[in-house]
Protein backbone atom coordinates (compact mmCIF):
# COMPACT_ATOMS: atom_id res chain seq x y z
CA MET A 1 -4.97 -15.41 -20.08
CA ALA A 2 -2.43 -12.62 -19.80
CA HIS A 3 -2.96 -10.22 -16.90
CA SER A 4 -3.22 -7.29 -19.31
CA ASP A 5 -6.04 -9.13 -21.12
CA LYS A 6 -7.80 -9.83 -17.81
CA LEU A 7 -7.62 -6.13 -16.92
CA ARG A 8 -9.22 -5.27 -20.28
CA GLU A 9 -11.89 -7.94 -19.76
CA LEU A 10 -12.70 -6.38 -16.36
CA GLY A 11 -12.81 -2.90 -17.91
CA ILE A 12 -9.89 -1.73 -15.79
CA ALA A 13 -7.24 0.60 -17.17
CA LEU A 14 -4.04 1.04 -15.18
CA PRO A 15 -3.52 4.69 -14.27
CA ALA A 16 -0.38 6.69 -14.89
CA VAL A 17 2.13 6.07 -12.11
CA PRO A 18 1.74 8.84 -9.54
CA PRO A 19 4.99 10.78 -9.13
CA PRO A 20 6.80 10.12 -5.85
CA ALA A 21 6.06 12.61 -3.07
CA GLY A 22 9.62 12.27 -1.75
CA SER A 23 13.06 10.84 -2.42
CA TYR A 24 12.17 7.31 -3.56
CA VAL A 25 11.10 5.32 -6.61
CA PRO A 26 7.60 3.91 -7.17
CA ALA A 27 8.86 0.31 -7.49
CA ARG A 28 12.14 -1.56 -7.19
CA ARG A 29 13.12 -5.04 -8.33
CA SER A 30 15.35 -7.36 -6.33
CA GLY A 31 15.84 -10.75 -7.96
CA SER A 32 12.41 -12.19 -8.73
CA LEU A 33 10.56 -9.78 -6.41
CA VAL A 34 9.23 -6.29 -7.03
CA PHE A 35 8.53 -4.08 -4.04
CA THR A 36 6.31 -1.06 -4.49
CA ALA A 37 6.47 2.12 -2.49
CA GLY A 38 3.33 2.85 -0.51
CA GLN A 39 0.72 4.06 -2.98
CA VAL A 40 -2.00 6.47 -1.96
CA PRO A 41 -5.38 7.05 -3.64
CA ILE A 42 -4.33 9.39 -6.41
CA VAL A 43 -7.00 9.31 -9.11
CA ASP A 44 -6.65 11.39 -12.29
CA GLY A 45 -3.64 13.13 -10.78
CA LYS A 46 -5.44 14.25 -7.63
CA VAL A 47 -5.87 12.95 -4.08
CA ALA A 48 -9.25 11.19 -4.19
CA ALA A 49 -10.14 11.77 -0.51
CA THR A 50 -8.72 13.02 2.76
CA GLY A 51 -9.54 12.37 6.38
CA LYS A 52 -9.86 9.52 8.83
CA VAL A 53 -11.77 6.31 8.18
CA GLY A 54 -14.59 6.08 10.68
CA ALA A 55 -14.97 9.87 10.76
CA GLU A 56 -14.78 11.91 7.52
CA VAL A 57 -14.46 8.79 5.33
CA SER A 58 -16.77 5.78 5.52
CA ALA A 59 -15.37 2.25 5.57
CA GLU A 60 -17.21 1.60 2.29
CA ASP A 61 -15.57 4.59 0.59
CA ALA A 62 -12.20 3.58 2.04
CA TYR A 63 -12.61 0.11 0.49
CA GLY A 64 -12.79 1.81 -2.93
CA LEU A 65 -9.80 3.98 -2.07
CA ALA A 66 -7.77 0.87 -1.17
CA ARG A 67 -8.66 -0.50 -4.58
CA ALA A 68 -7.35 2.71 -6.17
CA CYS A 69 -4.13 2.38 -4.18
CA ALA A 70 -3.68 -1.18 -5.44
CA LEU A 71 -4.22 -0.02 -9.02
CA ASN A 72 -1.52 2.61 -8.54
CA ALA A 73 0.81 -0.07 -7.15
CA LEU A 74 0.11 -2.31 -10.14
CA ALA A 75 0.80 0.63 -12.44
CA ALA A 76 4.20 1.05 -10.75
CA VAL A 77 4.98 -2.64 -11.29
CA ASP A 78 3.79 -2.42 -14.90
CA ALA A 79 6.03 0.59 -15.58
CA LEU A 80 9.04 -1.26 -14.16
CA VAL A 81 8.69 -4.81 -15.50
CA GLY A 82 5.31 -5.13 -17.26
CA ILE A 83 2.09 -6.40 -15.69
CA ASP A 84 2.25 -9.69 -17.58
CA SER A 85 5.53 -10.64 -15.88
CA ILE A 86 3.77 -11.01 -12.50
CA THR A 87 3.64 -14.66 -11.47
CA ALA A 88 2.24 -14.16 -7.95
CA VAL A 89 1.21 -11.52 -5.45
CA ILE A 90 3.25 -12.30 -2.34
CA LYS A 91 2.25 -9.68 0.22
CA VAL A 92 -0.01 -6.67 0.64
CA VAL A 93 0.57 -4.12 3.38
CA GLY A 94 -2.26 -1.68 3.98
CA PHE A 95 -2.34 1.35 6.25
CA VAL A 96 -5.62 2.94 7.28
CA ALA A 97 -5.74 6.41 8.86
CA SER A 98 -8.26 5.53 11.55
CA ALA A 99 -10.54 7.60 13.73
CA PRO A 100 -10.49 6.66 17.43
CA GLY A 101 -12.44 3.45 17.93
CA PHE A 102 -12.38 2.41 14.26
CA ASN A 103 -11.21 -1.19 13.97
CA GLY A 104 -12.39 -2.23 10.52
CA GLN A 105 -8.97 -2.01 8.85
CA PRO A 106 -9.15 -5.55 7.39
CA LYS A 107 -12.43 -4.78 5.59
CA VAL A 108 -10.95 -1.58 4.16
CA ILE A 109 -7.84 -3.32 2.82
CA ASN A 110 -10.07 -5.98 1.28
CA GLY A 111 -10.53 -3.35 -1.44
CA ALA A 112 -6.94 -4.00 -2.52
CA SER A 113 -7.05 -7.76 -1.89
CA ASP A 114 -10.30 -8.27 -3.77
CA LEU A 115 -8.96 -6.39 -6.81
CA LEU A 116 -5.83 -8.56 -6.85
CA GLY A 117 -8.00 -11.68 -6.69
CA GLU A 118 -10.12 -10.46 -9.61
CA VAL A 119 -7.07 -9.75 -11.77
CA PHE A 120 -4.72 -12.60 -10.84
CA GLY A 121 -7.02 -15.40 -9.59
CA GLU A 122 -5.09 -18.00 -7.58
CA ALA A 123 -1.84 -16.11 -8.21
CA GLY A 124 -3.41 -13.14 -6.42
CA LEU A 125 -3.70 -14.95 -3.07
CA HIS A 126 -1.29 -13.24 -0.68
CA ALA A 127 -0.15 -12.70 2.88
CA ARG A 128 -1.32 -9.36 4.29
CA SER A 129 -1.11 -6.80 7.04
CA ALA A 130 -3.88 -4.22 7.64
CA VAL A 131 -2.70 -1.60 10.10
CA GLY A 132 -4.51 1.34 11.67
CA VAL A 133 -2.43 4.52 11.94
CA ALA A 134 -2.97 8.04 13.22
CA GLU A 135 -1.86 9.90 10.07
CA LEU A 136 -0.86 9.21 6.48
CA PRO A 137 0.92 11.42 3.94
CA LEU A 138 -1.23 14.14 2.33
CA ASP A 139 -3.97 13.34 4.91
CA VAL A 140 -5.11 10.38 2.77
CA PRO A 141 -7.22 7.69 4.44
CA VAL A 142 -5.46 4.64 2.92
CA GLU A 143 -2.03 3.58 1.66
CA VAL A 144 -1.12 0.22 0.10
CA GLU A 145 2.15 -1.42 -0.86
CA LEU A 146 2.74 -4.68 -2.71
CA ILE A 147 5.40 -7.33 -3.02
CA VAL A 148 4.98 -9.36 -6.21
CA GLU A 149 6.96 -12.18 -7.78
CA VAL A 150 7.91 -11.75 -11.43
CA ALA A 151 9.30 -13.99 -14.13
C-alpha cells in the first residue's frame, strides 16, 4: 500500500508545510536521504502550545505535539520528493523543552515515533534521540527532525 493511501486510511491529512522561521529550507535531499529541519507544533498555521513539559504542558499533551511535529516533517518531505518515495525512516531527533526534574523525554517523542510506525510499518522503525533542553524556538515544548531514505 502506498504511504499516501495509508495516511488516507488512517484519516490523516498532511498539513501545509510551515514556513521557515529563519534562513533555512524545510527539507533537503542528499543522495538517497532527505533531512528535515526541526519542525515545531504548528497546527493550522499557529503554534499549538507553549511552555515547558512537566510544568505548563503535560507529558500527555506533549506526546500529541510531537505527533504534530512529525506530521509537519512528513509534509516537508512530501513537498520536496513526495511521501510515496519514502523507503525507510532512518532517524528521529526530538527535543523537549523540559521543566526542572522532568525526565520523560522518551515518552514524549514516542508521539512522533508511534505515528511513523502507524504510517510506515516496518519501514518506520528508526534510530532516535530524545533530548531535554532548556528552551526551544517560539517557546514551543517540542521539536522533531527526521532523516528518511527515499527511492
